[in-house]
Amino acid sequence: GPPFAVNVQVTSEPVTLDHSLTGQELGGLFGRPGEVCAGGVQFVFNTTLTFSYLIPPPEFGDGTCFEVNSVDVIFHYAAITTYIAKEYQEGSCEYQVILAHEQEHIRLHNEIVESRVNEIKTALASIPSLPTQDKIFLVASEERGRRMVRNLLRKIFLPLSRELGNELENRNRALDAYAGYDLVRTRCTSQFAKQSEPHK
């Protein structure tokens, strides 16, 4: 393994459900003013990248020895809010179909983030120019060492973080295209039709 620890965690606050807004208000909330929205999910998704380090005593000359001890990434869902337009009565077919669709977005979001954890871990553990216990750097100052490590980590992490963001956006959009709210009408109309058929 690497001579330092790399920890990547995914944490989350509980999902909340909001059934207080009209479809028109949800259209505005999701950046589509004038449109009526049956439901949606809002994620407050934060990413932090930190590292800890040691300053061992220098064996020779002036300067500061610097070695990275651990690198930590936390993907944190600070809030996940599922919205269902209040026109749809709780427990109705439409309500259930919209809720199931929004839960699919949450499941997909989690799946994508979890699927990237190992890739990010491996990339951060494999930076050749990072000062470690096997390869301690002598730097001009502690602040210089911190800045150097921060830049090295960001150079690797930021493109991976952007890729993750793009995948989340594209696959969630694809889910809406594939399983959009036409399903509400289709499923609930056919269910209603079945229930209305006379029993023979």
N, C-alpha and C. Protein backbone atom coordinates (compact mmCIF):
# COMPACT_ATOMS: atom_id res chain seq x y z
N GLY A 1 0.83 -1.21 0.00
CA GLY A 1 0.00 0.00 0.00
C GLY A 1 0.86 1.25 0.00
N PRO A 2 0.22 2.42 -0.12
CA PRO A 2 0.97 3.68 -0.14
C PRO A 2 1.54 3.97 1.24
N PRO A 3 2.59 4.79 1.30
CA PRO A 3 3.20 5.11 2.60
C PRO A 3 2.39 6.13 3.40
N PHE A 4 1.17 6.41 2.96
CA PHE A 4 0.27 7.30 3.71
C PHE A 4 -1.16 6.80 3.49
N ALA A 5 -2.05 7.18 4.39
CA ALA A 5 -3.45 6.71 4.30
C ALA A 5 -4.25 7.58 3.35
N VAL A 6 -5.08 6.96 2.53
CA VAL A 6 -6.01 7.70 1.68
C VAL A 6 -7.43 7.24 2.05
N ASN A 7 -8.23 8.19 2.53
CA ASN A 7 -9.60 7.87 2.96
C ASN A 7 -10.59 8.64 2.10
N VAL A 8 -11.54 7.91 1.51
CA VAL A 8 -12.60 8.56 0.73
C VAL A 8 -13.93 8.09 1.33
N GLN A 9 -14.69 9.03 1.85
CA GLN A 9 -15.96 8.71 2.52
C GLN A 9 -17.13 9.36 1.82
N VAL A 10 -18.28 8.68 1.86
CA VAL A 10 -19.54 9.27 1.39
C VAL A 10 -20.48 9.30 2.59
N THR A 11 -20.92 10.51 2.97
CA THR A 11 -21.82 10.64 4.13
C THR A 11 -23.07 11.39 3.70
N SER A 12 -24.14 11.21 4.46
CA SER A 12 -25.40 11.82 4.04
C SER A 12 -26.30 12.16 5.22
N GLU A 13 -26.98 13.28 5.08
CA GLU A 13 -28.08 13.60 6.00
C GLU A 13 -29.31 12.83 5.50
N PRO A 14 -30.33 12.64 6.36
CA PRO A 14 -31.53 11.92 5.91
C PRO A 14 -32.26 12.66 4.78
N VAL A 15 -32.93 11.89 3.92
CA VAL A 15 -33.73 12.47 2.83
C VAL A 15 -35.00 13.06 3.43
N THR A 16 -35.37 14.26 2.99
CA THR A 16 -36.64 14.85 3.45
C THR A 16 -37.60 14.95 2.27
N LEU A 17 -38.89 14.97 2.58
CA LEU A 17 -39.94 15.01 1.55
C LEU A 17 -40.74 16.30 1.72
N ASP A 18 -40.90 17.04 0.64
CA ASP A 18 -41.67 18.28 0.66
C ASP A 18 -42.86 18.15 -0.28
N HIS A 19 -44.05 18.28 0.27
CA HIS A 19 -45.28 18.11 -0.51
C HIS A 19 -46.12 19.39 -0.44
N SER A 20 -45.42 20.54 -0.24
CA SER A 20 -46.16 21.78 0.06
C SER A 20 -46.27 22.72 -1.13
N LEU A 21 -45.55 22.45 -2.23
CA LEU A 21 -45.51 23.41 -3.35
C LEU A 21 -46.35 22.91 -4.52
N THR A 22 -46.91 23.86 -5.28
CA THR A 22 -47.68 23.50 -6.47
C THR A 22 -46.71 23.13 -7.60
N GLY A 23 -47.24 22.50 -8.64
CA GLY A 23 -46.43 22.16 -9.81
C GLY A 23 -45.81 23.40 -10.44
N GLN A 24 -46.57 24.51 -10.42
CA GLN A 24 -46.09 25.79 -10.97
C GLN A 24 -44.89 26.30 -10.15
N GLU A 25 -45.02 26.21 -8.82
CA GLU A 25 -43.94 26.66 -7.94
C GLU A 25 -42.69 25.77 -8.11
N LEU A 26 -42.91 24.49 -8.30
CA LEU A 26 -41.76 23.58 -8.52
C LEU A 26 -41.06 23.90 -9.84
N GLY A 27 -41.83 24.29 -10.85
CA GLY A 27 -41.23 24.71 -12.12
C GLY A 27 -40.24 25.85 -11.89
N GLY A 28 -40.65 26.83 -11.08
CA GLY A 28 -39.77 27.96 -10.75
C GLY A 28 -38.56 27.52 -9.95
N LEU A 29 -38.79 26.62 -8.97
CA LEU A 29 -37.72 26.15 -8.11
C LEU A 29 -36.63 25.42 -8.91
N PHE A 30 -37.06 24.66 -9.93
CA PHE A 30 -36.09 23.88 -10.72
C PHE A 30 -35.65 24.61 -12.00
N GLY A 31 -35.82 25.94 -11.98
CA GLY A 31 -35.26 26.76 -13.06
C GLY A 31 -36.03 26.68 -14.36
N ARG A 32 -37.32 26.30 -14.27
CA ARG A 32 -38.14 26.28 -15.49
C ARG A 32 -39.41 27.09 -15.25
N PRO A 33 -39.27 28.40 -15.02
CA PRO A 33 -40.44 29.23 -14.72
C PRO A 33 -41.47 29.15 -15.83
N GLY A 34 -42.74 29.10 -15.44
CA GLY A 34 -43.82 28.98 -16.43
C GLY A 34 -44.20 27.54 -16.71
N GLU A 35 -43.28 26.61 -16.41
CA GLU A 35 -43.59 25.18 -16.61
C GLU A 35 -44.16 24.59 -15.32
N VAL A 36 -44.96 23.55 -15.49
CA VAL A 36 -45.48 22.83 -14.33
C VAL A 36 -44.63 21.59 -14.13
N CYS A 37 -44.17 21.41 -12.91
CA CYS A 37 -43.29 20.29 -12.57
C CYS A 37 -44.03 19.35 -11.63
N ALA A 38 -44.04 18.05 -11.93
CA ALA A 38 -44.74 17.10 -11.06
C ALA A 38 -43.94 16.82 -9.79
N GLY A 39 -42.61 16.89 -9.90
CA GLY A 39 -41.76 16.61 -8.75
C GLY A 39 -40.31 16.83 -9.10
N GLY A 40 -39.43 16.57 -8.16
CA GLY A 40 -38.00 16.73 -8.41
C GLY A 40 -37.21 16.43 -7.15
N VAL A 41 -35.89 16.37 -7.31
CA VAL A 41 -35.00 16.18 -6.15
C VAL A 41 -33.95 17.28 -6.18
N GLN A 42 -33.70 17.85 -5.01
CA GLN A 42 -32.61 18.82 -4.88
C GLN A 42 -31.53 18.23 -3.98
N PHE A 43 -30.29 18.23 -4.49
CA PHE A 43 -29.15 17.74 -3.71
C PHE A 43 -28.29 18.93 -3.29
N VAL A 44 -27.92 18.98 -2.03
CA VAL A 44 -26.84 19.89 -1.61
C VAL A 44 -25.66 18.95 -1.35
N PHE A 45 -24.71 18.95 -2.30
CA PHE A 45 -23.66 17.95 -2.33
C PHE A 45 -22.32 18.64 -2.21
N ASN A 46 -21.64 18.43 -1.08
CA ASN A 46 -20.37 19.12 -0.82
C ASN A 46 -19.20 18.15 -0.90
N THR A 47 -18.08 18.64 -1.40
CA THR A 47 -16.87 17.83 -1.48
C THR A 47 -15.75 18.54 -0.74
N THR A 48 -15.08 17.83 0.16
CA THR A 48 -13.91 18.42 0.82
C THR A 48 -12.69 17.51 0.60
N LEU A 49 -11.57 18.16 0.36
CA LEU A 49 -10.29 17.45 0.17
C LEU A 49 -9.30 18.05 1.17
N THR A 50 -8.84 17.24 2.12
CA THR A 50 -7.89 17.73 3.11
C THR A 50 -6.72 16.74 3.23
N PHE A 51 -5.67 17.18 3.88
CA PHE A 51 -4.55 16.26 4.12
C PHE A 51 -3.90 16.61 5.46
N SER A 52 -3.27 15.61 6.06
CA SER A 52 -2.49 15.87 7.27
C SER A 52 -1.02 15.56 6.95
N TYR A 53 -0.13 16.16 7.72
CA TYR A 53 1.29 16.00 7.40
C TYR A 53 2.12 16.02 8.68
N LEU A 54 3.35 15.58 8.56
CA LEU A 54 4.29 15.60 9.68
C LEU A 54 5.50 16.45 9.30
N ILE A 55 6.09 17.06 10.32
CA ILE A 55 7.33 17.82 10.12
C ILE A 55 8.42 17.11 10.94
N PRO A 56 9.08 16.08 10.37
CA PRO A 56 10.15 15.41 11.13
C PRO A 56 11.37 16.33 11.23
N PRO A 57 12.20 16.11 12.26
CA PRO A 57 13.39 16.99 12.40
C PRO A 57 14.33 16.84 11.19
N PRO A 58 14.85 17.94 10.69
CA PRO A 58 15.75 17.84 9.53
C PRO A 58 17.06 17.16 9.94
N GLU A 59 17.56 16.33 9.03
CA GLU A 59 18.79 15.61 9.31
C GLU A 59 20.02 16.43 8.90
N PHE A 60 19.79 17.40 8.03
CA PHE A 60 20.94 18.20 7.59
C PHE A 60 20.44 19.56 7.13
N GLY A 61 21.31 20.55 7.20
CA GLY A 61 21.04 21.87 6.61
C GLY A 61 19.83 22.58 7.18
N ASP A 62 19.52 23.70 6.52
CA ASP A 62 18.36 24.49 6.90
C ASP A 62 17.14 23.99 6.15
N GLY A 63 15.99 24.57 6.47
CA GLY A 63 14.75 24.19 5.78
C GLY A 63 13.88 23.31 6.65
N THR A 64 12.75 22.91 6.11
CA THR A 64 11.76 22.14 6.85
C THR A 64 11.51 20.82 6.13
N CYS A 65 11.62 19.71 6.87
CA CYS A 65 11.25 18.43 6.28
C CYS A 65 9.73 18.30 6.28
N PHE A 66 9.20 17.68 5.25
CA PHE A 66 7.74 17.65 5.09
C PHE A 66 7.33 16.29 4.53
N GLU A 67 6.38 15.62 5.20
CA GLU A 67 5.85 14.36 4.66
C GLU A 67 4.34 14.29 4.87
N VAL A 68 3.65 13.81 3.86
CA VAL A 68 2.18 13.66 3.94
C VAL A 68 1.88 12.40 4.73
N ASN A 69 0.96 12.55 5.68
CA ASN A 69 0.58 11.45 6.56
C ASN A 69 -0.73 10.79 6.11
N SER A 70 -1.69 11.63 5.67
CA SER A 70 -2.97 11.09 5.16
C SER A 70 -3.63 12.10 4.24
N VAL A 71 -4.45 11.56 3.34
CA VAL A 71 -5.27 12.39 2.44
C VAL A 71 -6.72 11.96 2.64
N ASP A 72 -7.60 12.93 2.84
CA ASP A 72 -9.00 12.62 3.14
C ASP A 72 -9.94 13.36 2.19
N VAL A 73 -10.86 12.59 1.61
CA VAL A 73 -11.90 13.18 0.76
C VAL A 73 -13.24 12.80 1.39
N ILE A 74 -14.10 13.81 1.55
CA ILE A 74 -15.47 13.52 2.03
C ILE A 74 -16.45 14.07 1.01
N PHE A 75 -17.29 13.18 0.48
CA PHE A 75 -18.45 13.58 -0.32
C PHE A 75 -19.64 13.59 0.64
N HIS A 76 -20.21 14.75 0.88
CA HIS A 76 -21.27 14.84 1.89
C HIS A 76 -22.56 15.41 1.29
N TYR A 77 -23.63 14.62 1.43
CA TYR A 77 -24.96 15.12 1.07
C TYR A 77 -25.47 15.92 2.27
N ALA A 78 -25.31 17.25 2.20
CA ALA A 78 -25.75 18.11 3.31
C ALA A 78 -27.28 18.14 3.37
N ALA A 79 -27.93 17.93 2.23
CA ALA A 79 -29.40 17.86 2.18
C ALA A 79 -29.82 17.15 0.90
N ILE A 80 -30.84 16.30 1.03
CA ILE A 80 -31.50 15.71 -0.15
C ILE A 80 -32.99 15.92 0.07
N THR A 81 -33.60 16.73 -0.79
CA THR A 81 -35.03 17.02 -0.64
C THR A 81 -35.78 16.52 -1.86
N THR A 82 -36.76 15.65 -1.59
CA THR A 82 -37.64 15.16 -2.65
C THR A 82 -38.89 16.02 -2.65
N TYR A 83 -39.26 16.54 -3.82
CA TYR A 83 -40.47 17.37 -3.95
C TYR A 83 -41.51 16.62 -4.77
N ILE A 84 -42.74 16.67 -4.29
CA ILE A 84 -43.88 16.17 -5.07
C ILE A 84 -44.93 17.27 -5.07
N ALA A 85 -45.41 17.63 -6.27
CA ALA A 85 -46.39 18.73 -6.38
C ALA A 85 -47.62 18.42 -5.53
N LYS A 86 -48.11 19.46 -4.84
CA LYS A 86 -49.21 19.20 -3.88
C LYS A 86 -50.53 18.87 -4.56
N GLU A 87 -50.59 19.05 -5.90
CA GLU A 87 -51.81 18.65 -6.62
C GLU A 87 -52.02 17.13 -6.54
N TYR A 88 -50.93 16.39 -6.32
CA TYR A 88 -51.04 14.93 -6.28
C TYR A 88 -51.24 14.48 -4.83
N GLN A 89 -52.38 13.89 -4.59
CA GLN A 89 -52.74 13.51 -3.23
C GLN A 89 -51.85 12.37 -2.74
N GLU A 90 -51.43 12.48 -1.47
CA GLU A 90 -50.57 11.44 -0.90
C GLU A 90 -51.25 10.08 -1.00
N GLY A 91 -50.51 9.10 -1.47
CA GLY A 91 -51.07 7.74 -1.58
C GLY A 91 -51.72 7.47 -2.93
N SER A 92 -51.95 8.52 -3.73
CA SER A 92 -52.57 8.31 -5.05
C SER A 92 -51.57 7.63 -5.98
N CYS A 93 -52.07 7.10 -7.08
CA CYS A 93 -51.19 6.43 -8.04
C CYS A 93 -50.12 7.41 -8.55
N GLU A 94 -50.55 8.63 -8.89
CA GLU A 94 -49.60 9.63 -9.42
C GLU A 94 -48.50 9.92 -8.39
N TYR A 95 -48.92 10.10 -7.14
CA TYR A 95 -47.98 10.40 -6.05
C TYR A 95 -46.94 9.29 -5.94
N GLN A 96 -47.40 8.02 -5.97
CA GLN A 96 -46.50 6.88 -5.83
C GLN A 96 -45.51 6.79 -7.00
N VAL A 97 -46.01 7.06 -8.21
CA VAL A 97 -45.14 6.97 -9.40
C VAL A 97 -44.09 8.08 -9.37
N ILE A 98 -44.49 9.30 -8.99
CA ILE A 98 -43.54 10.41 -8.91
C ILE A 98 -42.50 10.12 -7.83
N LEU A 99 -42.96 9.65 -6.67
CA LEU A 99 -42.04 9.34 -5.57
C LEU A 99 -41.02 8.27 -6.00
N ALA A 100 -41.51 7.23 -6.67
CA ALA A 100 -40.62 6.15 -7.13
C ALA A 100 -39.58 6.69 -8.11
N HIS A 101 -40.01 7.62 -8.98
CA HIS A 101 -39.09 8.21 -9.97
C HIS A 101 -38.01 9.03 -9.27
N GLU A 102 -38.41 9.84 -8.28
CA GLU A 102 -37.43 10.67 -7.56
C GLU A 102 -36.48 9.80 -6.74
N GLN A 103 -37.00 8.72 -6.17
CA GLN A 103 -36.13 7.80 -5.42
C GLN A 103 -35.10 7.14 -6.33
N GLU A 104 -35.49 6.94 -7.59
CA GLU A 104 -34.56 6.37 -8.58
C GLU A 104 -33.40 7.35 -8.84
N HIS A 105 -33.72 8.66 -8.88
CA HIS A 105 -32.66 9.68 -9.03
C HIS A 105 -31.68 9.61 -7.85
N ILE A 106 -32.21 9.47 -6.64
CA ILE A 106 -31.36 9.40 -5.44
C ILE A 106 -30.48 8.15 -5.49
N ARG A 107 -31.10 7.03 -5.85
CA ARG A 107 -30.35 5.76 -5.95
C ARG A 107 -29.23 5.88 -6.98
N LEU A 108 -29.55 6.48 -8.13
CA LEU A 108 -28.57 6.65 -9.21
C LEU A 108 -27.42 7.55 -8.76
N HIS A 109 -27.75 8.65 -8.10
CA HIS A 109 -26.75 9.60 -7.60
C HIS A 109 -25.78 8.87 -6.67
N ASN A 110 -26.34 8.12 -5.71
CA ASN A 110 -25.49 7.37 -4.76
C ASN A 110 -24.62 6.35 -5.46
N GLU A 111 -25.21 5.64 -6.41
CA GLU A 111 -24.50 4.58 -7.13
C GLU A 111 -23.30 5.16 -7.90
N ILE A 112 -23.51 6.29 -8.55
CA ILE A 112 -22.45 6.91 -9.34
C ILE A 112 -21.31 7.38 -8.43
N VAL A 113 -21.67 8.04 -7.32
CA VAL A 113 -20.64 8.54 -6.39
C VAL A 113 -19.84 7.36 -5.83
N GLU A 114 -20.55 6.32 -5.37
CA GLU A 114 -19.87 5.14 -4.79
C GLU A 114 -18.96 4.47 -5.82
N SER A 115 -19.40 4.46 -7.09
CA SER A 115 -18.63 3.78 -8.14
C SER A 115 -17.30 4.49 -8.42
N ARG A 116 -17.20 5.76 -8.02
CA ARG A 116 -15.98 6.54 -8.29
C ARG A 116 -14.97 6.51 -7.13
N VAL A 117 -15.40 5.99 -5.98
CA VAL A 117 -14.57 6.06 -4.77
C VAL A 117 -13.21 5.41 -4.98
N ASN A 118 -13.19 4.18 -5.49
CA ASN A 118 -11.91 3.46 -5.64
C ASN A 118 -10.97 4.13 -6.65
N GLU A 119 -11.56 4.64 -7.73
CA GLU A 119 -10.76 5.34 -8.75
C GLU A 119 -10.07 6.57 -8.14
N ILE A 120 -10.81 7.32 -7.34
CA ILE A 120 -10.27 8.54 -6.71
C ILE A 120 -9.20 8.16 -5.69
N LYS A 121 -9.49 7.11 -4.92
CA LYS A 121 -8.54 6.62 -3.91
C LYS A 121 -7.21 6.23 -4.56
N THR A 122 -7.31 5.44 -5.63
CA THR A 122 -6.11 4.96 -6.33
C THR A 122 -5.32 6.12 -6.91
N ALA A 123 -6.03 7.07 -7.54
CA ALA A 123 -5.35 8.21 -8.17
C ALA A 123 -4.59 9.04 -7.13
N LEU A 124 -5.23 9.28 -5.97
CA LEU A 124 -4.59 10.11 -4.94
C LEU A 124 -3.42 9.37 -4.27
N ALA A 125 -3.53 8.04 -4.20
CA ALA A 125 -2.46 7.24 -3.58
C ALA A 125 -1.25 7.08 -4.49
N SER A 126 -1.42 7.44 -5.77
CA SER A 126 -0.37 7.15 -6.76
C SER A 126 0.33 8.39 -7.30
N ILE A 127 0.24 9.52 -6.59
CA ILE A 127 0.89 10.74 -7.09
C ILE A 127 2.39 10.61 -6.83
N PRO A 128 3.20 10.49 -7.89
CA PRO A 128 4.62 10.19 -7.68
C PRO A 128 5.39 11.31 -6.98
N SER A 129 4.94 12.56 -7.17
CA SER A 129 5.74 13.68 -6.64
C SER A 129 5.27 14.16 -5.26
N LEU A 130 4.50 13.32 -4.55
CA LEU A 130 4.02 13.69 -3.22
C LEU A 130 5.07 13.32 -2.16
N PRO A 131 5.40 14.24 -1.25
CA PRO A 131 6.37 13.90 -0.20
C PRO A 131 5.76 12.93 0.81
N THR A 132 6.41 11.80 1.05
CA THR A 132 5.88 10.78 1.97
C THR A 132 7.01 10.32 2.89
N GLN A 133 6.69 9.40 3.80
CA GLN A 133 7.73 8.91 4.73
C GLN A 133 8.86 8.20 3.99
N ASP A 134 8.55 7.68 2.78
CA ASP A 134 9.60 7.03 1.98
C ASP A 134 10.42 8.05 1.18
N LYS A 135 9.87 9.28 1.11
CA LYS A 135 10.48 10.27 0.21
C LYS A 135 10.22 11.65 0.79
N ILE A 136 10.83 11.92 1.94
CA ILE A 136 10.60 13.19 2.64
C ILE A 136 11.23 14.33 1.85
N PHE A 137 10.47 15.44 1.74
CA PHE A 137 10.97 16.61 1.01
C PHE A 137 11.53 17.63 2.00
N LEU A 138 12.56 18.34 1.56
CA LEU A 138 13.07 19.49 2.30
C LEU A 138 12.51 20.73 1.62
N VAL A 139 11.71 21.51 2.36
CA VAL A 139 11.07 22.69 1.76
C VAL A 139 11.51 23.94 2.51
N ALA A 140 11.28 25.09 1.87
CA ALA A 140 11.74 26.35 2.46
C ALA A 140 10.99 26.68 3.75
N SER A 141 9.70 26.30 3.80
CA SER A 141 8.91 26.58 5.00
C SER A 141 7.72 25.62 5.04
N GLU A 142 7.09 25.52 6.20
CA GLU A 142 5.91 24.67 6.36
C GLU A 142 4.80 25.11 5.39
N GLU A 143 4.61 26.43 5.30
CA GLU A 143 3.57 26.96 4.40
C GLU A 143 3.86 26.59 2.95
N ARG A 144 5.13 26.65 2.55
CA ARG A 144 5.52 26.27 1.19
C ARG A 144 5.20 24.79 0.93
N GLY A 145 5.48 23.96 1.93
CA GLY A 145 5.17 22.53 1.82
C GLY A 145 3.68 22.28 1.67
N ARG A 146 2.89 22.99 2.49
CA ARG A 146 1.42 22.84 2.43
C ARG A 146 0.90 23.23 1.06
N ARG A 147 1.40 24.37 0.55
CA ARG A 147 0.93 24.87 -0.74
C ARG A 147 1.28 23.89 -1.86
N MET A 148 2.51 23.34 -1.81
CA MET A 148 2.95 22.40 -2.83
C MET A 148 2.06 21.16 -2.85
N VAL A 149 1.77 20.60 -1.66
CA VAL A 149 0.94 19.39 -1.58
C VAL A 149 -0.49 19.69 -2.02
N ARG A 150 -1.02 20.83 -1.57
CA ARG A 150 -2.38 21.21 -1.95
C ARG A 150 -2.50 21.29 -3.47
N ASN A 151 -1.53 21.91 -4.13
CA ASN A 151 -1.55 22.03 -5.59
C ASN A 151 -1.45 20.68 -6.29
N LEU A 152 -0.58 19.80 -5.77
CA LEU A 152 -0.42 18.46 -6.36
C LEU A 152 -1.74 17.66 -6.25
N LEU A 153 -2.38 17.72 -5.08
CA LEU A 153 -3.62 16.98 -4.87
C LEU A 153 -4.74 17.52 -5.75
N ARG A 154 -4.85 18.85 -5.78
CA ARG A 154 -5.92 19.47 -6.57
C ARG A 154 -5.76 19.16 -8.06
N LYS A 155 -4.51 19.12 -8.53
CA LYS A 155 -4.24 18.85 -9.95
C LYS A 155 -4.80 17.47 -10.36
N ILE A 156 -4.74 16.50 -9.44
CA ILE A 156 -5.26 15.16 -9.72
C ILE A 156 -6.76 15.10 -9.42
N PHE A 157 -7.17 15.72 -8.30
CA PHE A 157 -8.54 15.54 -7.82
C PHE A 157 -9.58 16.34 -8.62
N LEU A 158 -9.26 17.57 -8.98
CA LEU A 158 -10.27 18.43 -9.61
C LEU A 158 -10.80 17.86 -10.94
N PRO A 159 -9.94 17.35 -11.84
CA PRO A 159 -10.49 16.74 -13.06
C PRO A 159 -11.39 15.54 -12.77
N LEU A 160 -11.03 14.72 -11.76
CA LEU A 160 -11.87 13.57 -11.39
C LEU A 160 -13.21 14.05 -10.82
N SER A 161 -13.15 15.12 -10.06
CA SER A 161 -14.37 15.68 -9.47
C SER A 161 -15.29 16.24 -10.56
N ARG A 162 -14.67 16.88 -11.58
CA ARG A 162 -15.47 17.40 -12.72
C ARG A 162 -16.10 16.27 -13.50
N GLU A 163 -15.33 15.18 -13.72
CA GLU A 163 -15.88 14.00 -14.41
C GLU A 163 -17.08 13.45 -13.67
N LEU A 164 -16.96 13.38 -12.34
CA LEU A 164 -18.06 12.89 -11.51
C LEU A 164 -19.29 13.78 -11.70
N GLY A 165 -19.09 15.09 -11.64
CA GLY A 165 -20.20 16.04 -11.81
C GLY A 165 -20.88 15.88 -13.17
N ASN A 166 -20.07 15.69 -14.22
CA ASN A 166 -20.64 15.51 -15.57
C ASN A 166 -21.44 14.22 -15.67
N GLU A 167 -20.90 13.15 -15.07
CA GLU A 167 -21.62 11.88 -15.13
C GLU A 167 -22.95 11.97 -14.38
N LEU A 168 -22.92 12.63 -13.22
CA LEU A 168 -24.17 12.80 -12.44
C LEU A 168 -25.20 13.55 -13.27
N GLU A 169 -24.76 14.63 -13.92
CA GLU A 169 -25.69 15.45 -14.71
C GLU A 169 -26.24 14.66 -15.91
N ASN A 170 -25.34 14.01 -16.65
CA ASN A 170 -25.76 13.32 -17.88
C ASN A 170 -26.67 12.13 -17.60
N ARG A 171 -26.30 11.32 -16.59
CA ARG A 171 -27.11 10.13 -16.34
C ARG A 171 -28.44 10.44 -15.69
N ASN A 172 -28.49 11.51 -14.90
CA ASN A 172 -29.78 11.94 -14.34
C ASN A 172 -30.69 12.50 -15.44
N ARG A 173 -30.07 13.22 -16.39
CA ARG A 173 -30.85 13.75 -17.51
C ARG A 173 -31.39 12.60 -18.36
N ALA A 174 -30.55 11.58 -18.56
CA ALA A 174 -30.96 10.41 -19.34
C ALA A 174 -32.11 9.68 -18.66
N LEU A 175 -32.05 9.62 -17.33
CA LEU A 175 -33.14 8.97 -16.57
C LEU A 175 -34.45 9.71 -16.80
N ASP A 176 -34.39 11.04 -16.82
CA ASP A 176 -35.61 11.82 -17.07
C ASP A 176 -36.13 11.62 -18.48
N ALA A 177 -35.20 11.52 -19.43
CA ALA A 177 -35.61 11.32 -20.84
C ALA A 177 -36.25 9.95 -21.01
N TYR A 178 -35.68 8.97 -20.31
CA TYR A 178 -36.15 7.58 -20.47
C TYR A 178 -37.43 7.34 -19.67
N ALA A 179 -37.46 7.90 -18.46
CA ALA A 179 -38.58 7.58 -17.56
C ALA A 179 -39.24 8.86 -17.08
N GLY A 180 -39.53 9.74 -18.01
CA GLY A 180 -40.10 11.04 -17.65
C GLY A 180 -41.50 10.93 -17.10
N TYR A 181 -42.11 12.09 -16.90
CA TYR A 181 -43.40 12.11 -16.22
C TYR A 181 -44.56 11.64 -17.10
N ASP A 182 -44.25 11.34 -18.36
CA ASP A 182 -45.29 10.70 -19.19
C ASP A 182 -45.68 9.37 -18.55
N LEU A 183 -44.72 8.78 -17.83
CA LEU A 183 -44.99 7.51 -17.14
C LEU A 183 -46.13 7.66 -16.14
N VAL A 184 -46.20 8.83 -15.51
CA VAL A 184 -47.26 9.06 -14.53
C VAL A 184 -48.60 8.86 -15.22
N ARG A 185 -48.74 9.54 -16.37
CA ARG A 185 -50.01 9.47 -17.09
C ARG A 185 -50.26 8.04 -17.58
N THR A 186 -49.23 7.43 -18.17
CA THR A 186 -49.38 6.10 -18.75
C THR A 186 -49.73 5.07 -17.68
N ARG A 187 -48.92 5.02 -16.62
CA ARG A 187 -49.14 4.00 -15.58
C ARG A 187 -50.46 4.20 -14.86
N CYS A 188 -50.74 5.45 -14.54
CA CYS A 188 -51.93 5.68 -13.72
C CYS A 188 -53.20 5.57 -14.54
N THR A 189 -53.15 5.92 -15.82
CA THR A 189 -54.33 5.75 -16.68
C THR A 189 -54.62 4.27 -16.87
N SER A 190 -53.54 3.48 -17.11
CA SER A 190 -53.77 2.05 -17.35
C SER A 190 -54.25 1.38 -16.07
N GLN A 191 -53.72 1.85 -14.93
CA GLN A 191 -54.17 1.27 -13.66
C GLN A 191 -55.66 1.57 -13.45
N PHE A 192 -56.02 2.82 -13.77
CA PHE A 192 -57.42 3.25 -13.58
C PHE A 192 -58.32 2.42 -14.53
N ALA A 193 -57.85 2.21 -15.76
CA ALA A 193 -58.63 1.46 -16.74
C ALA A 193 -58.85 0.03 -16.25
N LYS A 194 -57.80 -0.58 -15.69
CA LYS A 194 -57.91 -1.96 -15.19
C LYS A 194 -58.93 -2.03 -14.06
N GLN A 195 -58.84 -1.02 -13.17
CA GLN A 195 -59.75 -1.04 -12.01
C GLN A 195 -61.20 -0.83 -12.45
N SER A 196 -61.37 -0.15 -13.58
CA SER A 196 -62.73 0.19 -14.01
C SER A 196 -63.37 -0.91 -14.85
N GLU A 197 -62.57 -1.88 -15.28
CA GLU A 197 -63.14 -2.94 -16.11
C GLU A 197 -64.14 -3.76 -15.31
N PRO A 198 -65.28 -4.06 -15.92
CA PRO A 198 -66.27 -4.89 -15.17
C PRO A 198 -65.72 -6.29 -14.93
N HIS A 199 -65.97 -6.81 -13.76
CA HIS A 199 -65.53 -8.19 -13.46
C HIS A 199 -66.45 -9.18 -14.14
N LYS A 200 -65.87 -10.17 -14.78
CA LYS A 200 -66.69 -11.15 -15.49
C LYS A 200 -66.88 -12.37 -14.61
